[in-house]
Amino acid sequence: MSEALYLPETLTRADVDALPGVAVVEFGTNGCGHCQAAQPLISEVVADYPQVRRIKVEDGSGRKLGRSFRVKMWPTLVFIRGGQEVARLVRPTRASDIEEAFDAATRQG
């Protein structure tokens, strides 16, 4: 169950920008209904992309990492490849949208 929890931010923007490969930084809070509703959909798709690192960050007012990505609503999934944002999803409600974002982020070129 701890895998499903958003954890307090421990990474800086520089840390995220330096991540190797493809990563998805998922911003939300543990008490967010939209975040909880999206978890089964996100987990379903994540299982098909083992090469993508998933980092769940607890966000909130004054949290630097979320503000550096201009996160305003939860959950927000920011896909990073080589230090660059390559896709973003805000409050996803369909697995197909999540799949499309993961596919775009992992596509070379």
PDB file of N, CA and C in Angstrom:
ATOM      1  N   MET A   1       0.821  -1.200   0.000  1.00  0.00           N
ATOM      2  CA  MET A   1       0.000   0.000   0.000  1.00  0.00           C
ATOM      3  C   MET A   1       0.863   1.261   0.000  1.00  0.00           C
ATOM      4  N   SER A   2       2.045   1.213   0.587  1.00  0.00           N
ATOM      5  CA  SER A   2       2.893   2.401   0.639  1.00  0.00           C
ATOM      6  C   SER A   2       3.295   2.871  -0.746  1.00  0.00           C
ATOM      7  N   GLU A   3       3.314   1.952  -1.729  1.00  0.00           N
ATOM      8  CA  GLU A   3       3.645   2.334  -3.087  1.00  0.00           C
ATOM      9  C   GLU A   3       2.653   3.369  -3.619  1.00  0.00           C
ATOM     10  N   ALA A   4       1.421   3.308  -3.152  1.00  0.00           N
ATOM     11  CA  ALA A   4       0.376   4.197  -3.635  1.00  0.00           C
ATOM     12  C   ALA A   4       0.434   5.577  -3.000  1.00  0.00           C
ATOM     13  N   LEU A   5       1.232   5.752  -1.970  1.00  0.00           N
ATOM     14  CA  LEU A   5       1.265   7.025  -1.257  1.00  0.00           C
ATOM     15  C   LEU A   5       2.121   8.067  -1.974  1.00  0.00           C
ATOM     16  N   TYR A   6       1.653   9.308  -1.890  1.00  0.00           N
ATOM     17  CA  TYR A   6       2.489  10.429  -2.323  1.00  0.00           C
ATOM     18  C   TYR A   6       3.428  10.726  -1.170  1.00  0.00           C
ATOM     19  N   LEU A   7       4.697  10.891  -1.476  1.00  0.00           N
ATOM     20  CA  LEU A   7       5.705  11.111  -0.443  1.00  0.00           C
ATOM     21  C   LEU A   7       6.155  12.562  -0.443  1.00  0.00           C
ATOM     22  N   PRO A   8       6.519  13.080   0.734  1.00  0.00           N
ATOM     23  CA  PRO A   8       7.009  14.466   0.793  1.00  0.00           C
ATOM     24  C   PRO A   8       8.149  14.674  -0.201  1.00  0.00           C
ATOM     25  N   GLU A   9       8.184  15.858  -0.781  1.00  0.00           N
ATOM     26  CA  GLU A   9       9.205  16.120  -1.798  1.00  0.00           C
ATOM     27  C   GLU A   9      10.593  16.066  -1.184  1.00  0.00           C
ATOM     28  N   THR A  10      11.448  15.328  -1.867  1.00  0.00           N
ATOM     29  CA  THR A  10      12.838  15.220  -1.456  1.00  0.00           C
ATOM     30  C   THR A  10      13.758  15.592  -2.611  1.00  0.00           C
ATOM     31  N   LEU A  11      13.189  15.699  -3.800  1.00  0.00           N
ATOM     32  CA  LEU A  11      13.970  16.038  -4.978  1.00  0.00           C
ATOM     33  C   LEU A  11      13.865  17.531  -5.276  1.00  0.00           C
ATOM     34  N   THR A  12      14.920  18.071  -5.833  1.00  0.00           N
ATOM     35  CA  THR A  12      14.883  19.442  -6.324  1.00  0.00           C
ATOM     36  C   THR A  12      14.589  19.408  -7.819  1.00  0.00           C
ATOM     37  N   ARG A  13      14.324  20.543  -8.393  1.00  0.00           N
ATOM     38  CA  ARG A  13      14.107  20.600  -9.846  1.00  0.00           C
ATOM     39  C   ARG A  13      15.364  20.139 -10.573  1.00  0.00           C
ATOM     40  N   ALA A  14      16.532  20.503 -10.069  1.00  0.00           N
ATOM     41  CA  ALA A  14      17.786  20.070 -10.692  1.00  0.00           C
ATOM     42  C   ALA A  14      17.908  18.549 -10.648  1.00  0.00           C
ATOM     43  N   ASP A  15      17.479  17.934  -9.534  1.00  0.00           N
ATOM     44  CA  ASP A  15      17.504  16.464  -9.431  1.00  0.00           C
ATOM     45  C   ASP A  15      16.614  15.837 -10.507  1.00  0.00           C
ATOM     46  N   VAL A  16      15.420  16.379 -10.668  1.00  0.00           N
ATOM     47  CA  VAL A  16      14.483  15.840 -11.656  1.00  0.00           C
ATOM     48  C   VAL A  16      15.041  16.030 -13.058  1.00  0.00           C
ATOM     49  N   ASP A  17      15.577  17.213 -13.336  1.00  0.00           N
ATOM     50  CA  ASP A  17      16.128  17.493 -14.662  1.00  0.00           C
ATOM     51  C   ASP A  17      17.310  16.584 -14.996  1.00  0.00           C
ATOM     52  N   ALA A  18      17.988  16.064 -13.979  1.00  0.00           N
ATOM     53  CA  ALA A  18      19.161  15.211 -14.189  1.00  0.00           C
ATOM     54  C   ALA A  18      18.826  13.718 -14.219  1.00  0.00           C
ATOM     55  N   LEU A  19      17.549  13.361 -14.061  1.00  0.00           N
ATOM     56  CA  LEU A  19      17.185  11.948 -14.060  1.00  0.00           C
ATOM     57  C   LEU A  19      17.520  11.317 -15.409  1.00  0.00           C
ATOM     58  N   PRO A  20      18.126  10.127 -15.400  1.00  0.00           N
ATOM     59  CA  PRO A  20      18.410   9.445 -16.659  1.00  0.00           C
ATOM     60  C   PRO A  20      17.149   8.799 -17.219  1.00  0.00           C
ATOM     61  N   GLY A  21      17.108   8.630 -18.522  1.00  0.00           N
ATOM     62  CA  GLY A  21      15.990   7.936 -19.148  1.00  0.00           C
ATOM     63  C   GLY A  21      14.694   8.719 -19.049  1.00  0.00           C
ATOM     64  N   VAL A  22      13.594   7.969 -18.938  1.00  0.00           N
ATOM     65  CA  VAL A  22      12.268   8.571 -18.876  1.00  0.00           C
ATOM     66  C   VAL A  22      11.707   8.399 -17.478  1.00  0.00           C
ATOM     67  N   ALA A  23      11.112   9.459 -16.974  1.00  0.00           N
ATOM     68  CA  ALA A  23      10.482   9.410 -15.655  1.00  0.00           C
ATOM     69  C   ALA A  23       9.150  10.146 -15.731  1.00  0.00           C
ATOM     70  N   VAL A  24       8.232   9.724 -14.878  1.00  0.00           N
ATOM     71  CA  VAL A  24       6.987  10.464 -14.712  1.00  0.00           C
ATOM     72  C   VAL A  24       6.934  10.917 -13.264  1.00  0.00           C
ATOM     73  N   VAL A  25       6.804  12.220 -13.080  1.00  0.00           N
ATOM     74  CA  VAL A  25       6.675  12.782 -11.747  1.00  0.00           C
ATOM     75  C   VAL A  25       5.192  13.077 -11.561  1.00  0.00           C
ATOM     76  N   GLU A  26       4.613  12.378 -10.598  1.00  0.00           N
ATOM     77  CA  GLU A  26       3.176  12.483 -10.354  1.00  0.00           C
ATOM     78  C   GLU A  26       2.958  13.323  -9.097  1.00  0.00           C
ATOM     79  N   PHE A  27       2.323  14.474  -9.284  1.00  0.00           N
ATOM     80  CA  PHE A  27       2.051  15.381  -8.176  1.00  0.00           C
ATOM     81  C   PHE A  27       0.617  15.179  -7.694  1.00  0.00           C
ATOM     82  N   GLY A  28       0.452  15.100  -6.373  1.00  0.00           N
ATOM     83  CA  GLY A  28      -0.880  14.959  -5.806  1.00  0.00           C
ATOM     84  C   GLY A  28      -0.788  14.949  -4.295  1.00  0.00           C
ATOM     85  N   THR A  29      -1.892  14.577  -3.654  1.00  0.00           N
ATOM     86  CA  THR A  29      -1.896  14.410  -2.203  1.00  0.00           C
ATOM     87  C   THR A  29      -2.659  13.138  -1.871  1.00  0.00           C
ATOM     88  N   ASN A  30      -2.350  12.569  -0.717  1.00  0.00           N
ATOM     89  CA  ASN A  30      -2.971  11.314  -0.329  1.00  0.00           C
ATOM     90  C   ASN A  30      -4.461  11.449  -0.045  1.00  0.00           C
ATOM     91  N   GLY A  31      -4.921  12.643   0.283  1.00  0.00           N
ATOM     92  CA  GLY A  31      -6.337  12.844   0.566  1.00  0.00           C
ATOM     93  C   GLY A  31      -7.145  13.359  -0.614  1.00  0.00           C
ATOM     94  N   CYS A  32      -6.555  13.435  -1.777  1.00  0.00           N
ATOM     95  CA  CYS A  32      -7.203  13.990  -2.967  1.00  0.00           C
ATOM     96  C   CYS A  32      -8.064  12.921  -3.646  1.00  0.00           C
ATOM     97  N   GLY A  33      -9.357  13.191  -3.767  1.00  0.00           N
ATOM     98  CA  GLY A  33     -10.262  12.247  -4.408  1.00  0.00           C
ATOM     99  C   GLY A  33      -9.929  12.000  -5.872  1.00  0.00           C
ATOM    100  N   HIS A  34      -9.535  13.046  -6.589  1.00  0.00           N
ATOM    101  CA  HIS A  34      -9.152  12.890  -7.994  1.00  0.00           C
ATOM    102  C   HIS A  34      -7.913  11.997  -8.107  1.00  0.00           C
ATOM    103  N   CYS A  35      -6.971  12.177  -7.178  1.00  0.00           N
ATOM    104  CA  CYS A  35      -5.742  11.374  -7.170  1.00  0.00           C
ATOM    105  C   CYS A  35      -6.077   9.908  -6.903  1.00  0.00           C
ATOM    106  N   GLN A  36      -6.922   9.663  -5.920  1.00  0.00           N
ATOM    107  CA  GLN A  36      -7.302   8.294  -5.576  1.00  0.00           C
ATOM    108  C   GLN A  36      -8.035   7.620  -6.726  1.00  0.00           C
ATOM    109  N   ALA A  37      -8.919   8.348  -7.402  1.00  0.00           N
ATOM    110  CA  ALA A  37      -9.667   7.793  -8.521  1.00  0.00           C
ATOM    111  C   ALA A  37      -8.759   7.435  -9.694  1.00  0.00           C
ATOM    112  N   ALA A  38      -7.683   8.190  -9.881  1.00  0.00           N
ATOM    113  CA  ALA A  38      -6.779   7.963 -11.010  1.00  0.00           C
ATOM    114  C   ALA A  38      -5.799   6.814 -10.767  1.00  0.00           C
ATOM    115  N   GLN A  39      -5.572   6.445  -9.511  1.00  0.00           N
ATOM    116  CA  GLN A  39      -4.530   5.454  -9.197  1.00  0.00           C
ATOM    117  C   GLN A  39      -4.683   4.123  -9.941  1.00  0.00           C
ATOM    118  N   PRO A  40      -5.864   3.509  -9.966  1.00  0.00           N
ATOM    119  CA  PRO A  40      -5.964   2.231 -10.690  1.00  0.00           C
ATOM    120  C   PRO A  40      -5.632   2.367 -12.174  1.00  0.00           C
ATOM    121  N   LEU A  41      -6.035   3.474 -12.786  1.00  0.00           N
ATOM    122  CA  LEU A  41      -5.752   3.693 -14.207  1.00  0.00           C
ATOM    123  C   LEU A  41      -4.258   3.875 -14.441  1.00  0.00           C
ATOM    124  N   ILE A  42      -3.632   4.692 -13.611  1.00  0.00           N
ATOM    125  CA  ILE A  42      -2.199   4.950 -13.751  1.00  0.00           C
ATOM    126  C   ILE A  42      -1.411   3.664 -13.513  1.00  0.00           C
ATOM    127  N   SER A  43      -1.751   2.942 -12.460  1.00  0.00           N
ATOM    128  CA  SER A  43      -1.033   1.701 -12.132  1.00  0.00           C
ATOM    129  C   SER A  43      -1.151   0.673 -13.243  1.00  0.00           C
ATOM    130  N   GLU A  44      -2.324   0.611 -13.867  1.00  0.00           N
ATOM    131  CA  GLU A  44      -2.542  -0.324 -14.980  1.00  0.00           C
ATOM    132  C   GLU A  44      -1.574  -0.040 -16.121  1.00  0.00           C
ATOM    133  N   VAL A  45      -1.401   1.224 -16.452  1.00  0.00           N
ATOM    134  CA  VAL A  45      -0.533   1.602 -17.568  1.00  0.00           C
ATOM    135  C   VAL A  45       0.937   1.507 -17.174  1.00  0.00           C
ATOM    136  N   VAL A  46       1.276   1.937 -15.968  1.00  0.00           N
ATOM    137  CA  VAL A  46       2.671   1.894 -15.500  1.00  0.00           C
ATOM    138  C   VAL A  46       3.242   0.480 -15.619  1.00  0.00           C
ATOM    139  N   ALA A  47       2.419  -0.511 -15.363  1.00  0.00           N
ATOM    140  CA  ALA A  47       2.876  -1.907 -15.421  1.00  0.00           C
ATOM    141  C   ALA A  47       3.403  -2.280 -16.806  1.00  0.00           C
ATOM    142  N   ASP A  48       2.911  -1.598 -17.846  1.00  0.00           N
ATOM    143  CA  ASP A  48       3.352  -1.882 -19.214  1.00  0.00           C
ATOM    144  C   ASP A  48       4.615  -1.110 -19.613  1.00  0.00           C
ATOM    145  N   TYR A  49       5.112  -0.254 -18.724  1.00  0.00           N
ATOM    146  CA  TYR A  49       6.279   0.574 -19.026  1.00  0.00           C
ATOM    147  C   TYR A  49       7.305   0.475 -17.899  1.00  0.00           C
ATOM    148  N   PRO A  50       7.905  -0.686 -17.726  1.00  0.00           N
ATOM    149  CA  PRO A  50       8.854  -0.851 -16.616  1.00  0.00           C
ATOM    150  C   PRO A  50      10.097   0.032 -16.741  1.00  0.00           C
ATOM    151  N   GLN A  51      10.376   0.541 -17.926  1.00  0.00           N
ATOM    152  CA  GLN A  51      11.548   1.393 -18.133  1.00  0.00           C
ATOM    153  C   GLN A  51      11.311   2.828 -17.656  1.00  0.00           C
ATOM    154  N   VAL A  52      10.071   3.155 -17.303  1.00  0.00           N
ATOM    155  CA  VAL A  52       9.743   4.512 -16.855  1.00  0.00           C
ATOM    156  C   VAL A  52       9.726   4.548 -15.336  1.00  0.00           C
ATOM    157  N   ARG A  53      10.529   5.426 -14.786  1.00  0.00           N
ATOM    158  CA  ARG A  53      10.565   5.614 -13.329  1.00  0.00           C
ATOM    159  C   ARG A  53       9.371   6.467 -12.923  1.00  0.00           C
ATOM    160  N   ARG A  54       8.588   5.986 -11.955  1.00  0.00           N
ATOM    161  CA  ARG A  54       7.433   6.730 -11.445  1.00  0.00           C
ATOM    162  C   ARG A  54       7.793   7.302 -10.083  1.00  0.00           C
ATOM    163  N   ILE A  55       7.672   8.614  -9.964  1.00  0.00           N
ATOM    164  CA  ILE A  55       7.993   9.301  -8.718  1.00  0.00           C
ATOM    165  C   ILE A  55       6.741  10.045  -8.269  1.00  0.00           C
ATOM    166  N   LYS A  56       6.197   9.644  -7.134  1.00  0.00           N
ATOM    167  CA  LYS A  56       4.984  10.269  -6.610  1.00  0.00           C
ATOM    168  C   LYS A  56       5.373  11.297  -5.552  1.00  0.00           C
ATOM    169  N   VAL A  57       5.004  12.543  -5.791  1.00  0.00           N
ATOM    170  CA  VAL A  57       5.409  13.644  -4.918  1.00  0.00           C
ATOM    171  C   VAL A  57       4.170  14.295  -4.320  1.00  0.00           C
ATOM    172  N   GLU A  58       4.172  14.390  -2.991  1.00  0.00           N
ATOM    173  CA  GLU A  58       3.098  15.106  -2.304  1.00  0.00           C
ATOM    174  C   GLU A  58       3.268  16.591  -2.581  1.00  0.00           C
ATOM    175  N   ASP A  59       2.220  17.198  -3.109  1.00  0.00           N
ATOM    176  CA  ASP A  59       2.302  18.594  -3.504  1.00  0.00           C
ATOM    177  C   ASP A  59       1.424  19.442  -2.590  1.00  0.00           C
ATOM    178  N   GLY A  60       1.620  20.722  -2.631  1.00  0.00           N
ATOM    179  CA  GLY A  60       0.818  21.643  -1.847  1.00  0.00           C
ATOM    180  C   GLY A  60       1.348  23.048  -1.988  1.00  0.00           C
ATOM    181  N   SER A  61       0.644  23.972  -1.406  1.00  0.00           N
ATOM    182  CA  SER A  61       1.026  25.370  -1.453  1.00  0.00           C
ATOM    183  C   SER A  61       2.442  25.550  -0.918  1.00  0.00           C
ATOM    184  N   GLY A  62       3.248  26.273  -1.669  1.00  0.00           N
ATOM    185  CA  GLY A  62       4.610  26.555  -1.235  1.00  0.00           C
ATOM    186  C   GLY A  62       5.617  25.444  -1.499  1.00  0.00           C
ATOM    187  N   ARG A  63       5.188  24.336  -2.072  1.00  0.00           N
ATOM    188  CA  ARG A  63       6.127  23.253  -2.379  1.00  0.00           C
ATOM    189  C   ARG A  63       6.868  23.614  -3.669  1.00  0.00           C
ATOM    190  N   LYS A  64       8.170  23.702  -3.556  1.00  0.00           N
ATOM    191  CA  LYS A  64       8.983  24.242  -4.650  1.00  0.00           C
ATOM    192  C   LYS A  64       8.937  23.415  -5.928  1.00  0.00           C
ATOM    193  N   LEU A  65       8.993  22.083  -5.800  1.00  0.00           N
ATOM    194  CA  LEU A  65       9.062  21.258  -7.009  1.00  0.00           C
ATOM    195  C   LEU A  65       7.785  21.401  -7.838  1.00  0.00           C
ATOM    196  N   GLY A  66       6.645  21.305  -7.191  1.00  0.00           N
ATOM    197  CA  GLY A  66       5.378  21.465  -7.907  1.00  0.00           C
ATOM    198  C   GLY A  66       5.244  22.840  -8.543  1.00  0.00           C
ATOM    199  N   ARG A  67       5.686  23.872  -7.827  1.00  0.00           N
ATOM    200  CA  ARG A  67       5.593  25.221  -8.382  1.00  0.00           C
ATOM    201  C   ARG A  67       6.543  25.378  -9.569  1.00  0.00           C
ATOM    202  N   SER A  68       7.688  24.706  -9.538  1.00  0.00           N
ATOM    203  CA  SER A  68       8.631  24.833 -10.655  1.00  0.00           C
ATOM    204  C   SER A  68       8.049  24.242 -11.942  1.00  0.00           C
ATOM    205  N   PHE A  69       7.088  23.319 -11.798  1.00  0.00           N
ATOM    206  CA  PHE A  69       6.400  22.746 -12.955  1.00  0.00           C
ATOM    207  C   PHE A  69       5.031  23.397 -13.176  1.00  0.00           C
ATOM    208  N   ARG A  70       4.727  24.444 -12.420  1.00  0.00           N
ATOM    209  CA  ARG A  70       3.463  25.168 -12.535  1.00  0.00           C
ATOM    210  C   ARG A  70       2.254  24.243 -12.362  1.00  0.00           C
ATOM    211  N   VAL A  71       2.345  23.331 -11.404  1.00  0.00           N
ATOM    212  CA  VAL A  71       1.241  22.425 -11.102  1.00  0.00           C
ATOM    213  C   VAL A  71       0.157  23.209 -10.378  1.00  0.00           C
ATOM    214  N   LYS A  72      -1.079  23.083 -10.852  1.00  0.00           N
ATOM    215  CA  LYS A  72      -2.205  23.791 -10.241  1.00  0.00           C
ATOM    216  C   LYS A  72      -3.308  22.836  -9.799  1.00  0.00           C
ATOM    217  N   MET A  73      -3.404  21.659 -10.434  1.00  0.00           N
ATOM    218  CA  MET A  73      -4.448  20.694 -10.098  1.00  0.00           C
ATOM    219  C   MET A  73      -3.819  19.314  -9.931  1.00  0.00           C
ATOM    220  N   TRP A  74      -4.473  18.488  -9.133  1.00  0.00           N
ATOM    221  CA  TRP A  74      -3.972  17.134  -8.874  1.00  0.00           C
ATOM    222  C   TRP A  74      -4.942  16.089  -9.387  1.00  0.00           C
ATOM    223  N   PRO A  75      -4.452  14.941  -9.775  1.00  0.00           N
ATOM    224  CA  PRO A  75      -3.038  14.680  -9.989  1.00  0.00           C
ATOM    225  C   PRO A  75      -2.561  15.301 -11.306  1.00  0.00           C
ATOM    226  N   THR A  76      -1.322  15.689 -11.305  1.00  0.00           N
ATOM    227  CA  THR A  76      -0.650  16.128 -12.525  1.00  0.00           C
ATOM    228  C   THR A  76       0.543  15.219 -12.738  1.00  0.00           C
ATOM    229  N   LEU A  77       0.612  14.612 -13.921  1.00  0.00           N
ATOM    230  CA  LEU A  77       1.719  13.736 -14.285  1.00  0.00           C
ATOM    231  C   LEU A  77       2.594  14.476 -15.286  1.00  0.00           C
ATOM    232  N   VAL A  78       3.858  14.666 -14.932  1.00  0.00           N
ATOM    233  CA  VAL A  78       4.807  15.350 -15.801  1.00  0.00           C
ATOM    234  C   VAL A  78       5.828  14.313 -16.265  1.00  0.00           C
ATOM    235  N   PHE A  79       5.905  14.113 -17.570  1.00  0.00           N
ATOM    236  CA  PHE A  79       6.815  13.132 -18.154  1.00  0.00           C
ATOM    237  C   PHE A  79       8.094  13.827 -18.573  1.00  0.00           C
ATOM    238  N   ILE A  80       9.216  13.317 -18.081  1.00  0.00           N
ATOM    239  CA  ILE A  80      10.533  13.913 -18.308  1.00  0.00           C
ATOM    240  C   ILE A  80      11.409  12.914 -19.069  1.00  0.00           C
ATOM    241  N   ARG A  81      12.055  13.395 -20.119  1.00  0.00           N
ATOM    242  CA  ARG A  81      13.043  12.577 -20.837  1.00  0.00           C
ATOM    243  C   ARG A  81      14.252  13.457 -21.090  1.00  0.00           C
ATOM    244  N   GLY A  82      15.394  13.025 -20.575  1.00  0.00           N
ATOM    245  CA  GLY A  82      16.622  13.786 -20.773  1.00  0.00           C
ATOM    246  C   GLY A  82      16.542  15.199 -20.223  1.00  0.00           C
ATOM    247  N   GLY A  83      15.851  15.363 -19.110  1.00  0.00           N
ATOM    248  CA  GLY A  83      15.766  16.673 -18.475  1.00  0.00           C
ATOM    249  C   GLY A  83      14.725  17.601 -19.071  1.00  0.00           C
ATOM    250  N   GLN A  84      13.973  17.125 -20.066  1.00  0.00           N
ATOM    251  CA  GLN A  84      12.968  17.956 -20.718  1.00  0.00           C
ATOM    252  C   GLN A  84      11.577  17.378 -20.514  1.00  0.00           C
ATOM    253  N   GLU A  85      10.612  18.239 -20.284  1.00  0.00           N
ATOM    254  CA  GLU A  85       9.226  17.784 -20.212  1.00  0.00           C
ATOM    255  C   GLU A  85       8.776  17.413 -21.620  1.00  0.00           C
ATOM    256  N   VAL A  86       8.267  16.176 -21.770  1.00  0.00           N
ATOM    257  CA  VAL A  86       7.834  15.715 -23.091  1.00  0.00           C
ATOM    258  C   VAL A  86       6.334  15.454 -23.150  1.00  0.00           C
ATOM    259  N   ALA A  87       5.674  15.384 -22.007  1.00  0.00           N
ATOM    260  CA  ALA A  87       4.223  15.200 -21.971  1.00  0.00           C
ATOM    261  C   ALA A  87       3.731  15.582 -20.585  1.00  0.00           C
ATOM    262  N   ARG A  88       2.421  15.859 -20.502  1.00  0.00           N
ATOM    263  CA  ARG A  88       1.811  16.230 -19.224  1.00  0.00           C
ATOM    264  C   ARG A  88       0.350  15.806 -19.267  1.00  0.00           C
ATOM    265  N   LEU A  89      -0.110  15.280 -18.158  1.00  0.00           N
ATOM    266  CA  LEU A  89      -1.524  14.952 -17.990  1.00  0.00           C
ATOM    267  C   LEU A  89      -2.017  15.585 -16.704  1.00  0.00           C
ATOM    268  N   VAL A  90      -3.187  16.184 -16.752  1.00  0.00           N
ATOM    269  CA  VAL A  90      -3.798  16.767 -15.570  1.00  0.00           C
ATOM    270  C   VAL A  90      -5.140  16.074 -15.345  1.00  0.00           C
ATOM    271  N   ARG A  91      -5.307  15.522 -14.155  1.00  0.00           N
ATOM    272  CA  ARG A  91      -6.537  14.811 -13.772  1.00  0.00           C
ATOM    273  C   ARG A  91      -6.997  13.805 -14.815  1.00  0.00           C
ATOM    274  N   PRO A  92      -6.135  12.848 -15.162  1.00  0.00           N
ATOM    275  CA  PRO A  92      -6.545  11.859 -16.167  1.00  0.00           C
ATOM    276  C   PRO A  92      -7.696  10.991 -15.656  1.00  0.00           C
ATOM    277  N   THR A  93      -8.631  10.695 -16.555  1.00  0.00           N
ATOM    278  CA  THR A  93      -9.782   9.860 -16.200  1.00  0.00           C
ATOM    279  C   THR A  93      -9.922   8.653 -17.122  1.00  0.00           C
ATOM    280  N   ARG A  94      -9.054   8.554 -18.128  1.00  0.00           N
ATOM    281  CA  ARG A  94      -9.119   7.416 -19.056  1.00  0.00           C
ATOM    282  C   ARG A  94      -7.737   6.795 -19.208  1.00  0.00           C
ATOM    283  N   ALA A  95      -7.694   5.475 -19.134  1.00  0.00           N
ATOM    284  CA  ALA A  95      -6.431   4.751 -19.300  1.00  0.00           C
ATOM    285  C   ALA A  95      -5.824   5.040 -20.666  1.00  0.00           C
ATOM    286  N   SER A  96      -6.654   5.246 -21.682  1.00  0.00           N
ATOM    287  CA  SER A  96      -6.131   5.499 -23.031  1.00  0.00           C
ATOM    288  C   SER A  96      -5.326   6.803 -23.084  1.00  0.00           C
ATOM    289  N   ASP A  97      -5.751   7.816 -22.344  1.00  0.00           N
ATOM    290  CA  ASP A  97      -4.992   9.073 -22.307  1.00  0.00           C
ATOM    291  C   ASP A  97      -3.641   8.870 -21.627  1.00  0.00           C
ATOM    292  N   ILE A  98      -3.643   8.080 -20.563  1.00  0.00           N
ATOM    293  CA  ILE A  98      -2.407   7.803 -19.830  1.00  0.00           C
ATOM    294  C   ILE A  98      -1.469   6.996 -20.717  1.00  0.00           C
ATOM    295  N   GLU A  99      -2.003   5.992 -21.388  1.00  0.00           N
ATOM    296  CA  GLU A  99      -1.222   5.156 -22.313  1.00  0.00           C
ATOM    297  C   GLU A  99      -0.584   6.014 -23.401  1.00  0.00           C
ATOM    298  N   GLU A 100      -1.343   6.936 -23.943  1.00  0.00           N
ATOM    299  CA  GLU A 100      -0.843   7.814 -25.003  1.00  0.00           C
ATOM    300  C   GLU A 100       0.330   8.665 -24.505  1.00  0.00           C
ATOM    301  N   ALA A 101       0.220   9.192 -23.306  1.00  0.00           N
ATOM    302  CA  ALA A 101       1.291  10.003 -22.735  1.00  0.00           C
ATOM    303  C   ALA A 101       2.545   9.163 -22.475  1.00  0.00           C
ATOM    304  N   PHE A 102       2.365   7.962 -21.931  1.00  0.00           N
ATOM    305  CA  PHE A 102       3.517   7.080 -21.705  1.00  0.00           C
ATOM    306  C   PHE A 102       4.169   6.720 -23.032  1.00  0.00           C
ATOM    307  N   ASP A 103       3.357   6.441 -24.040  1.00  0.00           N
ATOM    308  CA  ASP A 103       3.896   6.092 -25.350  1.00  0.00           C
ATOM    309  C   ASP A 103       4.684   7.254 -25.941  1.00  0.00           C
ATOM    310  N   ALA A 104       4.136   8.454 -25.847  1.00  0.00           N
ATOM    311  CA  ALA A 104       4.833   9.631 -26.371  1.00  0.00           C
ATOM    312  C   ALA A 104       6.150   9.866 -25.638  1.00  0.00           C
ATOM    313  N   ALA A 105       6.144   9.658 -24.330  1.00  0.00           N
ATOM    314  CA  ALA A 105       7.353   9.911 -23.546  1.00  0.00           C
ATOM    315  C   ALA A 105       8.448   8.899 -23.832  1.00  0.00           C
ATOM    316  N   THR A 106       8.063   7.690 -24.175  1.00  0.00           N
ATOM    317  CA  THR A 106       9.066   6.638 -24.398  1.00  0.00           C
ATOM    318  C   THR A 106       9.480   6.515 -25.859  1.00  0.00           C
ATOM    319  N   ARG A 107       8.769   7.162 -26.737  1.00  0.00           N
ATOM    320  CA  ARG A 107       9.094   7.114 -28.153  1.00  0.00           C
ATOM    321  C   ARG A 107      10.402   7.855 -28.395  1.00  0.00           C
ATOM    322  N   GLN A 108      11.300   7.227 -29.082  1.00  0.00           N
ATOM    323  CA  GLN A 108      12.595   7.868 -29.392  1.00  0.00           C
ATOM    324  C   GLN A 108      12.413   8.864 -30.528  1.00  0.00           C
ATOM    325  N   GLY A 109      13.124   9.997 -30.409  1.00  0.00           N
ATOM    326  CA  GLY A 109      13.090  10.980 -31.492  1.00  0.00           C
ATOM    327  C   GLY A 109      12.057  11.932 -31.233  1.00  0.00           C
TER     328      GLY A 109
END
